[in-house]
Amino acid sequence: MASDIDDTAERTDVRRVSRYDLVLAVIPTAFLLAGIASLFVSAPTRVVLTGAAAVGLLALVDGMFVNPPRSGSGTL
C-alpha cells in the first residue's frame, strides 16, 4: 500500500539560515534595540540612532565587501 508510506521527510522544507540572512536581520535589530535603549539611557535619540546606523553600516559593509556572496552560494 503506497498510501501508508510516511512522506513527512519530503514535505518538510527545512531552510538553513545563511550568513546573509543574519546580516539582514542585524540592521533592523540594531534600530529596535536603539529605540528601546533610548528609553532607558539619558543620551539624545539622535546619538542612539547614529550608533544603530553605524552597526547597520558595519553589517552592510561586512556582507557586501568583506565577505561578499560567492557565485553559486545561494540555497534555494
PDB file of N, CA and C in Angstrom:
ATOM      1  N   MET A   1       0.822  -1.169   0.000  1.00  0.00           N
ATOM      2  CA  MET A   1       0.000   0.000   0.000  1.00  0.00           C
ATOM      3  C   MET A   1       0.877   1.247   0.000  1.00  0.00           C
ATOM      4  N   ALA A   2       0.827   1.981  -1.056  1.00  0.00           N
ATOM      5  CA  ALA A   2       1.654   3.172  -1.195  1.00  0.00           C
ATOM      6  C   ALA A   2       1.174   4.313  -0.311  1.00  0.00           C
ATOM      7  N   SER A   3      -0.086   4.316   0.088  1.00  0.00           N
ATOM      8  CA  SER A   3      -0.613   5.407   0.903  1.00  0.00           C
ATOM      9  C   SER A   3      -0.145   5.316   2.351  1.00  0.00           C
ATOM     10  N   ASP A   4       0.404   4.186   2.757  1.00  0.00           N
ATOM     11  CA  ASP A   4       0.875   4.024   4.129  1.00  0.00           C
ATOM     12  C   ASP A   4       2.309   4.507   4.329  1.00  0.00           C
ATOM     13  N   ILE A   5       2.967   4.896   3.266  1.00  0.00           N
ATOM     14  CA  ILE A   5       4.361   5.330   3.361  1.00  0.00           C
ATOM     15  C   ILE A   5       4.413   6.715   4.008  1.00  0.00           C
ATOM     16  N   ASP A   6       5.312   6.851   4.961  1.00  0.00           N
ATOM     17  CA  ASP A   6       5.471   8.128   5.655  1.00  0.00           C
ATOM     18  C   ASP A   6       6.303   9.055   4.777  1.00  0.00           C
ATOM     19  N   ASP A   7       5.683  10.095   4.253  1.00  0.00           N
ATOM     20  CA  ASP A   7       6.401  11.016   3.369  1.00  0.00           C
ATOM     21  C   ASP A   7       6.648  12.367   4.044  1.00  0.00           C
ATOM     22  N   THR A   8       6.774  12.393   5.358  1.00  0.00           N
ATOM     23  CA  THR A   8       6.999  13.660   6.048  1.00  0.00           C
ATOM     24  C   THR A   8       8.360  14.250   5.697  1.00  0.00           C
ATOM     25  N   ALA A   9       9.325  13.409   5.380  1.00  0.00           N
ATOM     26  CA  ALA A   9      10.641  13.916   5.005  1.00  0.00           C
ATOM     27  C   ALA A   9      10.568  14.689   3.700  1.00  0.00           C
ATOM     28  N   GLU A  10       9.676  14.310   2.824  1.00  0.00           N
ATOM     29  CA  GLU A  10       9.535  15.018   1.557  1.00  0.00           C
ATOM     30  C   GLU A  10       8.765  16.319   1.733  1.00  0.00           C
ATOM     31  N   ARG A  11       7.865  16.375   2.695  1.00  0.00           N
ATOM     32  CA  ARG A  11       7.037  17.560   2.882  1.00  0.00           C
ATOM     33  C   ARG A  11       7.711  18.636   3.711  1.00  0.00           C
ATOM     34  N   THR A  12       8.603  18.274   4.588  1.00  0.00           N
ATOM     35  CA  THR A  12       9.247  19.278   5.416  1.00  0.00           C
ATOM     36  C   THR A  12      10.279  20.027   4.589  1.00  0.00           C
ATOM     37  N   ASP A  13      10.212  21.322   4.648  1.00  0.00           N
ATOM     38  CA  ASP A  13      11.136  22.165   3.909  1.00  0.00           C
ATOM     39  C   ASP A  13      11.982  22.921   4.921  1.00  0.00           C
ATOM     40  N   VAL A  14      13.087  22.328   5.299  1.00  0.00           N
ATOM     41  CA  VAL A  14      13.962  22.926   6.297  1.00  0.00           C
ATOM     42  C   VAL A  14      14.945  23.836   5.567  1.00  0.00           C
ATOM     43  N   ARG A  15      14.822  25.111   5.838  1.00  0.00           N
ATOM     44  CA  ARG A  15      15.731  26.076   5.221  1.00  0.00           C
ATOM     45  C   ARG A  15      16.730  26.524   6.266  1.00  0.00           C
ATOM     46  N   ARG A  16      17.974  26.509   5.874  1.00  0.00           N
ATOM     47  CA  ARG A  16      19.024  26.936   6.770  1.00  0.00           C
ATOM     48  C   ARG A  16      19.171  28.444   6.690  1.00  0.00           C
ATOM     49  N   VAL A  17      19.495  29.050   7.807  1.00  0.00           N
ATOM     50  CA  VAL A  17      19.714  30.490   7.853  1.00  0.00           C
ATOM     51  C   VAL A  17      21.146  30.749   7.397  1.00  0.00           C
ATOM     52  N   SER A  18      21.273  31.558   6.357  1.00  0.00           N
ATOM     53  CA  SER A  18      22.605  31.841   5.835  1.00  0.00           C
ATOM     54  C   SER A  18      23.209  33.049   6.550  1.00  0.00           C
ATOM     55  N   ARG A  19      24.457  33.263   6.297  1.00  0.00           N
ATOM     56  CA  ARG A  19      25.167  34.408   6.860  1.00  0.00           C
ATOM     57  C   ARG A  19      24.500  35.711   6.430  1.00  0.00           C
ATOM     58  N   TYR A  20      24.026  35.749   5.204  1.00  0.00           N
ATOM     59  CA  TYR A  20      23.445  36.969   4.660  1.00  0.00           C
ATOM     60  C   TYR A  20      22.059  37.229   5.242  1.00  0.00           C
ATOM     61  N   ASP A  21      21.354  36.190   5.630  1.00  0.00           N
ATOM     62  CA  ASP A  21      20.101  36.372   6.358  1.00  0.00           C
ATOM     63  C   ASP A  21      20.367  37.027   7.707  1.00  0.00           C
ATOM     64  N   LEU A  22      21.429  36.609   8.352  1.00  0.00           N
ATOM     65  CA  LEU A  22      21.790  37.197   9.642  1.00  0.00           C
ATOM     66  C   LEU A  22      22.226  38.647   9.492  1.00  0.00           C
ATOM     67  N   VAL A  23      22.961  38.939   8.414  1.00  0.00           N
ATOM     68  CA  VAL A  23      23.376  40.322   8.166  1.00  0.00           C
ATOM     69  C   VAL A  23      22.146  41.209   7.990  1.00  0.00           C
ATOM     70  N   LEU A  24      21.173  40.716   7.238  1.00  0.00           N
ATOM     71  CA  LEU A  24      19.950  41.489   7.032  1.00  0.00           C
ATOM     72  C   LEU A  24      19.120  41.610   8.302  1.00  0.00           C
ATOM     73  N   ALA A  25      19.233  40.650   9.190  1.00  0.00           N
ATOM     74  CA  ALA A  25      18.493  40.710  10.451  1.00  0.00           C
ATOM     75  C   ALA A  25      19.153  41.659  11.450  1.00  0.00           C
ATOM     76  N   VAL A  26      20.458  41.862  11.331  1.00  0.00           N
ATOM     77  CA  VAL A  26      21.180  42.726  12.273  1.00  0.00           C
ATOM     78  C   VAL A  26      20.725  44.175  12.142  1.00  0.00           C
ATOM     79  N   ILE A  27      20.437  44.614  10.922  1.00  0.00           N
ATOM     80  CA  ILE A  27      20.136  46.027  10.697  1.00  0.00           C
ATOM     81  C   ILE A  27      18.863  46.467  11.432  1.00  0.00           C
ATOM     82  N   PRO A  28      17.711  45.833  11.208  1.00  0.00           N
ATOM     83  CA  PRO A  28      16.534  46.293  11.966  1.00  0.00           C
ATOM     84  C   PRO A  28      16.630  45.998  13.461  1.00  0.00           C
ATOM     85  N   THR A  29      17.364  44.936  13.814  1.00  0.00           N
ATOM     86  CA  THR A  29      17.538  44.628  15.229  1.00  0.00           C
ATOM     87  C   THR A  29      18.322  45.726  15.932  1.00  0.00           C
ATOM     88  N   ALA A  30      19.327  46.273  15.251  1.00  0.00           N
ATOM     89  CA  ALA A  30      20.106  47.369  15.836  1.00  0.00           C
ATOM     90  C   ALA A  30      19.226  48.584  16.090  1.00  0.00           C
ATOM     91  N   PHE A  31      18.349  48.892  15.148  1.00  0.00           N
ATOM     92  CA  PHE A  31      17.467  50.046  15.338  1.00  0.00           C
ATOM     93  C   PHE A  31      16.415  49.784  16.411  1.00  0.00           C
ATOM     94  N   LEU A  32      15.928  48.574  16.469  1.00  0.00           N
ATOM     95  CA  LEU A  32      14.957  48.230  17.506  1.00  0.00           C
ATOM     96  C   LEU A  32      15.586  48.342  18.893  1.00  0.00           C
ATOM     97  N   LEU A  33      16.773  47.787  19.041  1.00  0.00           N
ATOM     98  CA  LEU A  33      17.458  47.877  20.333  1.00  0.00           C
ATOM     99  C   LEU A  33      17.833  49.314  20.667  1.00  0.00           C
ATOM    100  N   ALA A  34      18.170  50.103  19.649  1.00  0.00           N
ATOM    101  CA  ALA A  34      18.478  51.515  19.893  1.00  0.00           C
ATOM    102  C   ALA A  34      17.246  52.261  20.364  1.00  0.00           C
ATOM    103  N   GLY A  35      16.103  51.943  19.783  1.00  0.00           N
ATOM    104  CA  GLY A  35      14.868  52.583  20.226  1.00  0.00           C
ATOM    105  C   GLY A  35      14.532  52.230  21.657  1.00  0.00           C
ATOM    106  N   ILE A  36      14.736  50.986  22.017  1.00  0.00           N
ATOM    107  CA  ILE A  36      14.484  50.562  23.394  1.00  0.00           C
ATOM    108  C   ILE A  36      15.502  51.190  24.340  1.00  0.00           C
ATOM    109  N   ALA A  37      16.760  51.225  23.912  1.00  0.00           N
ATOM    110  CA  ALA A  37      17.807  51.796  24.767  1.00  0.00           C
ATOM    111  C   ALA A  37      17.602  53.283  24.988  1.00  0.00           C
ATOM    112  N   SER A  38      17.031  53.972  23.999  1.00  0.00           N
ATOM    113  CA  SER A  38      16.835  55.408  24.160  1.00  0.00           C
ATOM    114  C   SER A  38      15.820  55.720  25.258  1.00  0.00           C
ATOM    115  N   LEU A  39      14.993  54.752  25.604  1.00  0.00           N
ATOM    116  CA  LEU A  39      14.053  54.953  26.694  1.00  0.00           C
ATOM    117  C   LEU A  39      14.737  54.913  28.062  1.00  0.00           C
ATOM    118  N   PHE A  40      15.841  54.174  28.151  1.00  0.00           N
ATOM    119  CA  PHE A  40      16.492  53.962  29.437  1.00  0.00           C
ATOM    120  C   PHE A  40      17.800  54.730  29.607  1.00  0.00           C
ATOM    121  N   VAL A  41      18.353  55.228  28.523  1.00  0.00           N
ATOM    122  CA  VAL A  41      19.632  55.932  28.567  1.00  0.00           C
ATOM    123  C   VAL A  41      19.352  57.422  28.429  1.00  0.00           C
ATOM    124  N   SER A  42      20.116  58.229  29.109  1.00  0.00           N
ATOM    125  CA  SER A  42      19.875  59.667  29.068  1.00  0.00           C
ATOM    126  C   SER A  42      20.569  60.345  27.887  1.00  0.00           C
ATOM    127  N   ALA A  43      20.937  59.582  26.878  1.00  0.00           N
ATOM    128  CA  ALA A  43      21.551  60.157  25.680  1.00  0.00           C
ATOM    129  C   ALA A  43      20.458  60.610  24.717  1.00  0.00           C
ATOM    130  N   PRO A  44      20.735  61.624  23.925  1.00  0.00           N
ATOM    131  CA  PRO A  44      19.736  62.061  22.941  1.00  0.00           C
ATOM    132  C   PRO A  44      19.425  60.952  21.935  1.00  0.00           C
ATOM    133  N   THR A  45      18.209  60.981  21.414  1.00  0.00           N
ATOM    134  CA  THR A  45      17.771  59.940  20.487  1.00  0.00           C
ATOM    135  C   THR A  45      18.647  59.902  19.241  1.00  0.00           C
ATOM    136  N   ARG A  46      19.062  61.067  18.766  1.00  0.00           N
ATOM    137  CA  ARG A  46      19.881  61.090  17.549  1.00  0.00           C
ATOM    138  C   ARG A  46      21.225  60.403  17.756  1.00  0.00           C
ATOM    139  N   VAL A  47      21.752  60.460  18.970  1.00  0.00           N
ATOM    140  CA  VAL A  47      23.027  59.790  19.259  1.00  0.00           C
ATOM    141  C   VAL A  47      22.826  58.271  19.249  1.00  0.00           C
ATOM    142  N   VAL A  48      21.751  57.823  19.849  1.00  0.00           N
ATOM    143  CA  VAL A  48      21.472  56.384  19.897  1.00  0.00           C
ATOM    144  C   VAL A  48      21.190  55.854  18.489  1.00  0.00           C
ATOM    145  N   LEU A  49      20.439  56.612  17.700  1.00  0.00           N
ATOM    146  CA  LEU A  49      20.151  56.181  16.328  1.00  0.00           C
ATOM    147  C   LEU A  49      21.394  56.219  15.448  1.00  0.00           C
ATOM    148  N   THR A  50      22.297  57.147  15.722  1.00  0.00           N
ATOM    149  CA  THR A  50      23.563  57.175  14.984  1.00  0.00           C
ATOM    150  C   THR A  50      24.373  55.919  15.278  1.00  0.00           C
ATOM    151  N   GLY A  51      24.352  55.480  16.513  1.00  0.00           N
ATOM    152  CA  GLY A  51      25.028  54.224  16.863  1.00  0.00           C
ATOM    153  C   GLY A  51      24.405  53.038  16.154  1.00  0.00           C
ATOM    154  N   ALA A  52      23.071  53.016  16.071  1.00  0.00           N
ATOM    155  CA  ALA A  52      22.389  51.928  15.358  1.00  0.00           C
ATOM    156  C   ALA A  52      22.722  51.964  13.875  1.00  0.00           C
ATOM    157  N   ALA A  53      22.805  53.162  13.311  1.00  0.00           N
ATOM    158  CA  ALA A  53      23.165  53.293  11.903  1.00  0.00           C
ATOM    159  C   ALA A  53      24.593  52.806  11.666  1.00  0.00           C
ATOM    160  N   ALA A  54      25.480  53.069  12.620  1.00  0.00           N
ATOM    161  CA  ALA A  54      26.863  52.594  12.485  1.00  0.00           C
ATOM    162  C   ALA A  54      26.929  51.075  12.530  1.00  0.00           C
ATOM    163  N   VAL A  55      26.145  50.467  13.411  1.00  0.00           N
ATOM    164  CA  VAL A  55      26.103  49.000  13.481  1.00  0.00           C
ATOM    165  C   VAL A  55      25.538  48.431  12.184  1.00  0.00           C
ATOM    166  N   GLY A  56      24.477  49.038  11.668  1.00  0.00           N
ATOM    167  CA  GLY A  56      23.905  48.593  10.407  1.00  0.00           C
ATOM    168  C   GLY A  56      24.871  48.759   9.251  1.00  0.00           C
ATOM    169  N   LEU A  57      25.604  49.865   9.243  1.00  0.00           N
ATOM    170  CA  LEU A  57      26.595  50.091   8.190  1.00  0.00           C
ATOM    171  C   LEU A  57      27.709  49.053   8.256  1.00  0.00           C
ATOM    172  N   LEU A  58      28.159  48.731   9.454  1.00  0.00           N
ATOM    173  CA  LEU A  58      29.200  47.700   9.585  1.00  0.00           C
ATOM    174  C   LEU A  58      28.699  46.349   9.086  1.00  0.00           C
ATOM    175  N   ALA A  59      27.455  46.011   9.394  1.00  0.00           N
ATOM    176  CA  ALA A  59      26.893  44.755   8.901  1.00  0.00           C
ATOM    177  C   ALA A  59      26.790  44.767   7.386  1.00  0.00           C
ATOM    178  N   LEU A  60      26.389  45.900   6.823  1.00  0.00           N
ATOM    179  CA  LEU A  60      26.272  46.024   5.377  1.00  0.00           C
ATOM    180  C   LEU A  60      27.627  45.927   4.685  1.00  0.00           C
ATOM    181  N   VAL A  61      28.616  46.604   5.225  1.00  0.00           N
ATOM    182  CA  VAL A  61      29.969  46.543   4.653  1.00  0.00           C
ATOM    183  C   VAL A  61      30.524  45.126   4.743  1.00  0.00           C
ATOM    184  N   ASP A  62      30.268  44.462   5.861  1.00  0.00           N
ATOM    185  CA  ASP A  62      30.725  43.082   6.003  1.00  0.00           C
ATOM    186  C   ASP A  62      30.059  42.178   4.964  1.00  0.00           C
ATOM    187  N   GLY A  63      28.764  42.341   4.789  1.00  0.00           N
ATOM    188  CA  GLY A  63      28.045  41.476   3.853  1.00  0.00           C
ATOM    189  C   GLY A  63      28.332  41.759   2.397  1.00  0.00           C
ATOM    190  N   MET A  64      28.739  42.991   2.085  1.00  0.00           N
ATOM    191  CA  MET A  64      28.964  43.342   0.682  1.00  0.00           C
ATOM    192  C   MET A  64      30.427  43.315   0.265  1.00  0.00           C
ATOM    193  N   PHE A  65      31.330  43.688   1.167  1.00  0.00           N
ATOM    194  CA  PHE A  65      32.717  43.856   0.766  1.00  0.00           C
ATOM    195  C   PHE A  65      33.687  42.910   1.470  1.00  0.00           C
ATOM    196  N   VAL A  66      33.516  42.694   2.755  1.00  0.00           N
ATOM    197  CA  VAL A  66      34.447  41.836   3.494  1.00  0.00           C
ATOM    198  C   VAL A  66      34.182  40.369   3.183  1.00  0.00           C
ATOM    199  N   ASN A  67      32.934  39.960   3.267  1.00  0.00           N
ATOM    200  CA  ASN A  67      32.521  38.577   2.958  1.00  0.00           C
ATOM    201  C   ASN A  67      31.403  38.604   1.927  1.00  0.00           C
ATOM    202  N   PRO A  68      31.717  38.973   0.688  1.00  0.00           N
ATOM    203  CA  PRO A  68      30.640  39.091  -0.315  1.00  0.00           C
ATOM    204  C   PRO A  68      30.085  37.738  -0.715  1.00  0.00           C
ATOM    205  N   PRO A  69      28.878  37.738  -1.254  1.00  0.00           N
ATOM    206  CA  PRO A  69      28.316  36.469  -1.744  1.00  0.00           C
ATOM    207  C   PRO A  69      29.164  35.931  -2.893  1.00  0.00           C
ATOM    208  N   ARG A  70      29.306  34.652  -2.913  1.00  0.00           N
ATOM    209  CA  ARG A  70      30.058  33.988  -3.986  1.00  0.00           C
ATOM    210  C   ARG A  70      29.083  33.409  -4.978  1.00  0.00           C
ATOM    211  N   SER A  71      29.512  33.242  -6.169  1.00  0.00           N
ATOM    212  CA  SER A  71      28.676  32.663  -7.204  1.00  0.00           C
ATOM    213  C   SER A  71      28.315  31.227  -6.826  1.00  0.00           C
ATOM    214  N   GLY A  72      27.018  30.929  -6.850  1.00  0.00           N
ATOM    215  CA  GLY A  72      26.564  29.578  -6.529  1.00  0.00           C
ATOM    216  C   GLY A  72      26.388  29.323  -5.052  1.00  0.00           C
ATOM    217  N   SER A  73      26.495  30.366  -4.211  1.00  0.00           N
ATOM    218  CA  SER A  73      26.376  30.152  -2.764  1.00  0.00           C
ATOM    219  C   SER A  73      24.915  30.189  -2.304  1.00  0.00           C
ATOM    220  N   GLY A  74      24.004  30.591  -3.174  1.00  0.00           N
ATOM    221  CA  GLY A  74      22.596  30.660  -2.805  1.00  0.00           C
ATOM    222  C   GLY A  74      21.983  29.273  -2.666  1.00  0.00           C
ATOM    223  N   THR A  75      21.141  29.112  -1.658  1.00  0.00           N
ATOM    224  CA  THR A  75      20.473  27.826  -1.450  1.00  0.00           C
ATOM    225  C   THR A  75      18.986  28.032  -1.589  1.00  0.00           C
ATOM    226  N   LEU A  76      18.469  27.810  -2.769  1.00  0.00           N
ATOM    227  CA  LEU A  76      17.032  27.952  -2.996  1.00  0.00           C
ATOM    228  C   LEU A  76      16.386  26.630  -3.173  1.00  0.00           C
TER     229      LEU A  76
END
